[in-house]
């Protein structure tokens, strides 16, 4: 397992196409209700917070913060959680029921592999949080669990103030 983690860290540094300032590569996934969602949105109506997660206990602990910020932003942002869990697992539905986040299902980890977001089995990608502008340009990337809530809230306020209502 330690060798995989080392390779994971090294490979995550090679993601030049996912650098801040670049356009986020497009993909489509379905939510829990079977509705398709495209990323980037390309309609220009909102910015996107994209969170790749296995919905582990630590990740579930961040969902209320994201939900609070989503409510505060209204229609200016949409938050999409890409679940690496299977369609038949109960956890994505439990998390969705407890908050208003849209959860997209990627049980075969296709998007993370396409985007070269390596991660050890049963873990989240090293960079699992992306903030995209209306055009799909990457404004920010980080690992959500590695950020203190106050730091993320401050970052969020900066983006919220820079988006028109």
Protein backbone atom coordinates (compact mmCIF):
# COMPACT_ATOMS: atom_id res chain seq x y z
CA UNK A 1 0.00 0.00 0.00
CA UNK A 2 2.82 2.47 0.77
CA UNK A 3 4.25 2.05 -2.74
CA UNK A 4 0.86 2.86 -4.28
CA UNK A 5 0.61 6.01 -2.11
CA UNK A 6 4.06 7.14 -3.25
CA UNK A 7 3.20 6.59 -6.92
CA UNK A 8 -0.13 8.35 -6.32
CA UNK A 9 1.60 11.44 -4.92
CA UNK A 10 4.14 11.58 -7.76
CA UNK A 11 1.51 11.06 -10.48
CA UNK A 12 -0.81 13.71 -8.99
CA UNK A 13 1.94 16.29 -9.56
CA UNK A 14 1.96 15.51 -13.28
CA UNK A 15 -1.62 16.70 -13.92
CA UNK A 16 -0.62 19.75 -15.94
CA UNK A 17 -3.91 19.79 -17.87
CA UNK A 18 -5.76 20.29 -14.57
CA UNK A 19 -3.71 23.31 -13.49
CA UNK A 20 -5.37 26.52 -12.37
CA UNK A 21 -6.09 28.64 -15.44
CA UNK A 22 -6.68 25.69 -17.79
CA UNK A 23 -10.07 24.55 -19.04
CA UNK A 24 -11.50 21.58 -17.20
CA UNK A 25 -11.89 18.54 -19.49
CA UNK A 26 -15.54 17.79 -20.25
CA UNK A 27 -17.47 14.80 -18.98
CA UNK A 28 -21.06 13.72 -18.38
CA UNK A 29 -22.45 11.67 -15.49
CA UNK A 30 -25.91 10.90 -14.16
CA UNK A 31 -27.17 11.89 -10.74
CA UNK A 32 -29.04 9.65 -8.31
CA UNK A 33 -32.29 10.27 -10.20
CA UNK A 34 -30.77 9.33 -13.56
CA UNK A 35 -30.58 12.93 -14.87
CA UNK A 36 -27.43 13.69 -16.90
CA UNK A 37 -25.10 16.52 -15.87
CA UNK A 38 -22.34 17.97 -18.01
CA UNK A 39 -19.13 19.42 -16.64
CA UNK A 40 -18.24 22.10 -17.52
CA UNK A 41 -21.80 23.40 -17.74
CA UNK A 42 -21.14 25.55 -20.84
CA UNK A 43 -24.48 27.36 -20.42
CA UNK A 44 -22.69 30.14 -18.57
CA UNK A 45 -25.36 30.40 -15.90
CA UNK A 46 -23.29 29.31 -12.90
CA UNK A 47 -19.90 28.49 -11.55
CA UNK A 48 -19.23 24.94 -10.47
CA UNK A 49 -17.71 23.36 -7.41
CA UNK A 50 -16.68 19.84 -8.32
CA UNK A 51 -15.88 17.42 -5.49
CA UNK A 52 -14.61 13.88 -6.17
CA UNK A 53 -15.34 11.79 -3.09
CA UNK A 54 -15.76 8.28 -1.79
CA UNK A 55 -18.12 9.70 0.88
CA UNK A 56 -15.96 8.38 3.70
CA UNK A 57 -16.63 9.66 7.20
CA UNK A 58 -14.27 12.62 6.76
CA UNK A 59 -15.87 13.56 3.42
CA UNK A 60 -19.38 13.27 4.83
CA UNK A 61 -18.26 15.68 7.54
CA UNK A 62 -17.59 18.31 4.84
CA UNK A 63 -21.03 17.95 3.20
CA UNK A 64 -22.80 20.29 5.69
CA UNK A 65 -20.22 23.02 5.00
CA UNK A 66 -20.72 22.68 1.24
CA UNK A 67 -24.49 22.67 1.73
CA UNK A 68 -24.32 25.85 3.81
CA UNK A 69 -22.23 27.58 1.17
CA UNK A 70 -24.52 26.34 -1.62
CA UNK A 71 -27.53 27.90 0.09
CA UNK A 72 -25.65 31.15 0.59
CA UNK A 73 -24.70 31.34 -3.10
CA UNK A 74 -28.15 30.55 -4.52
CA UNK A 75 -28.03 30.08 -8.30
CA UNK A 76 -24.55 31.56 -8.74
CA UNK A 77 -22.83 28.25 -7.96
CA UNK A 78 -23.73 24.63 -8.38
CA UNK A 79 -22.01 21.98 -6.31
CA UNK A 80 -21.57 18.52 -7.76
CA UNK A 81 -20.22 15.65 -5.69
CA UNK A 82 -18.85 12.87 -7.88
CA UNK A 83 -19.29 9.68 -5.89
CA UNK A 84 -16.81 6.92 -6.56
CA UNK A 85 -19.28 4.46 -5.01
CA UNK A 86 -21.56 2.10 -6.90
CA UNK A 87 -25.16 2.68 -7.96
CA UNK A 88 -26.37 0.04 -5.54
CA UNK A 89 -24.64 1.48 -2.46
CA UNK A 90 -26.86 3.28 0.05
CA UNK A 91 -24.35 5.91 1.19
CA UNK A 92 -24.77 8.37 -1.74
CA UNK A 93 -28.54 8.37 -1.19
CA UNK A 94 -28.12 8.89 2.56
CA UNK A 95 -25.80 11.85 2.00
CA UNK A 96 -28.12 13.33 -0.67
CA UNK A 97 -31.09 13.04 1.70
CA UNK A 98 -29.24 14.98 4.40
CA UNK A 99 -28.26 17.90 2.17
CA UNK A 100 -29.09 19.53 -1.16
CA UNK A 101 -25.91 18.55 -2.96
CA UNK A 102 -26.24 16.97 -6.38
CA UNK A 103 -24.44 13.63 -6.28
CA UNK A 104 -23.22 12.20 -9.57
CA UNK A 105 -22.42 8.50 -9.74
CA UNK A 106 -19.18 7.19 -11.20
CA UNK A 107 -18.98 3.65 -9.82
CA UNK A 108 -16.30 2.54 -12.27
CA UNK A 109 -14.12 5.60 -11.57
CA UNK A 110 -14.14 6.44 -15.30
CA UNK A 111 -13.96 10.22 -14.90
CA UNK A 112 -11.13 10.17 -12.36
CA UNK A 113 -9.16 7.85 -14.65
CA UNK A 114 -9.93 10.01 -17.71
CA UNK A 115 -8.77 13.11 -15.82
CA UNK A 116 -5.75 11.27 -14.43
CA UNK A 117 -6.80 11.80 -10.82
CA UNK A 118 -4.98 8.82 -9.31
CA UNK A 119 -5.95 7.56 -5.90
CA UNK A 120 -5.43 4.42 -3.87
CA UNK A 121 -8.44 2.10 -3.68
CA UNK A 122 -11.21 3.29 -1.34
CA UNK A 123 -9.79 6.83 -1.08
CA UNK A 124 -10.48 10.21 -2.68
CA UNK A 125 -8.18 11.66 -5.36
CA UNK A 126 -5.26 13.75 -4.06
CA UNK A 127 -6.80 16.89 -5.59
CA UNK A 128 -10.50 16.28 -5.13
CA UNK A 129 -11.99 19.79 -5.15
CA UNK A 130 -12.14 22.07 -8.17
CA UNK A 131 -13.80 25.46 -8.58
CA UNK A 132 -14.64 26.28 -12.19
CA UNK A 133 -15.82 29.60 -13.62
CA UNK A 134 -18.75 29.96 -16.02
CA UNK A 135 -16.55 29.00 -18.97
CA UNK A 136 -15.09 25.91 -17.31
CA UNK A 137 -11.71 27.46 -16.45
CA UNK A 138 -10.14 26.04 -13.29
CA UNK A 139 -9.92 28.77 -10.65
CA UNK A 140 -8.91 26.62 -7.70
CA UNK A 141 -7.94 23.04 -6.88
CA UNK A 142 -7.17 21.42 -3.56
CA UNK A 143 -8.09 18.50 -1.32
CA UNK A 144 -11.19 19.53 0.63
CA UNK A 145 -10.33 17.57 3.77
CA UNK A 146 -6.93 19.27 3.91
CA UNK A 147 -8.53 22.72 4.25
CA UNK A 148 -9.79 24.16 7.49
CA UNK A 149 -13.46 25.21 7.23
CA UNK A 150 -12.59 28.85 7.97
CA UNK A 151 -10.03 28.94 5.14
CA UNK A 152 -12.50 27.41 2.69
CA UNK A 153 -15.27 29.76 3.82
CA UNK A 154 -12.95 32.75 3.28
CA UNK A 155 -11.97 31.50 -0.18
CA UNK A 156 -15.65 30.93 -0.96
CA UNK A 157 -16.55 34.48 0.09
CA UNK A 158 -13.96 35.86 -2.31
CA UNK A 159 -15.44 33.92 -5.22
CA UNK A 160 -18.99 34.73 -4.18
CA UNK A 161 -18.24 38.46 -4.13
CA UNK A 162 -16.68 38.27 -7.58
CA UNK A 163 -19.73 36.61 -9.22
CA UNK A 164 -22.70 38.68 -10.32
CA UNK A 165 -25.99 37.89 -8.53
